Amino acid sequence: MSFRVEKFLKFKESSLIPEVSFFDDKTSAEIRDLFLEILYGGVHGFCFSLYEDGQKPGDIIGEAQIRRRMKILAPYTKWVRSFSCIEGNELIPRIAKEFGIKTLVGAWLGKEEEKNQQEIDSLISLAKEGFVDIAAVGNEVLYRRDLTEEQLLDYISKVKQAIPGIPVGYVDAYYEFSHRPALAEVSDVILCNCYPFWEGTDFRYSLEHMRQMFHQASIAAKGKKVIITETGWPSQGESLGRAVPSQLNAIKYFINTQLWAIDENFESFYFSSFDESWKIGSEGEVGAYWGIWDRYEKLKYVNEQF
């Protein structure tokens, strides 16, 4: 841990004022320097953004594109998280291992039973070949209502039986594990998404809100490990309630998240690595601006004035 990061952590521990005050006496240059120091020091994990402009889920993505983006991420992270095991996504954990990066590998489940089975079979194969450190069976399936809880539990149980010794879980919003105790029971590890932005939280209270989300998931976990599999803040786009996208809020949120993770010694995956324009279709303009790197694979925030 660097001297500057350690100094900022001590400041936060001693402050009883909302986290926005942490930045009040910091210049843009100081905030940018801290962002870079944290990034260069290495974060636990990034969600791997696969798609370039003009691409979308369902497109077959080749090895060269994955390798190029993995090379960019490799100096800054210990883990990557992938979301699917087909259509080129199966190459993500294979290439990550070449770079010495650990993997949280997800099988994307939806309404198509045949495709679900392809995902599950590929996840199991990757795990047996040694490319999976943690297996995630489904992502926000219950939130989208693509499967019933019973169907999902069956998929999770089958994967657990097929790959003993590898932790298996399911990714969804933090509150699902409180509402569905059977889901927490079947999971080896609780994989929760925590998004103060999507709940319309004012940035000033976003860190405290995320702490509450994590605490709720931890209660449901009953002693099992809890990992934040997604959290982030967009750098531009439409506001939601009191949550305002901006470069300044995004860089501060990244700093808050990473310092909190260091302070509390827990694991998180930041969403996301690169901006992806295809997400505009489902989330509006704001969906395209969650990356730490932009859609051209250039690091954001280092040259902007905010």
Foldseek 3Di string as FASTA:
>chain_A
DDPVLVVLLVVVVPDPAFPVVSCPPPDLVRLLVLLVVLQQVAAAAFEDDQDFPPDDPVAQDDDVSLLVLLVLNLSHYQEYEYADCDSNSVCNLVSCVVSNHAYAYEHADFQDPVSLVVRLVRQLVCVVVPSHQEYAYHAAHVVVVRDDPVVSLVSQVVSCVSRPPHFYAHEEALCVLVVDLVRLVSGQEAEHEQEPQVVQDALSCRLVSSVVSQVSSVVSNVPHAYEHEEYFAFQQFDGDNNRHHHVVSRSVVVSSVRSVCVVVVHHYYYPHAEFDPVLCVPPNPRNRGGHCAYSVRHGPSNPDDD
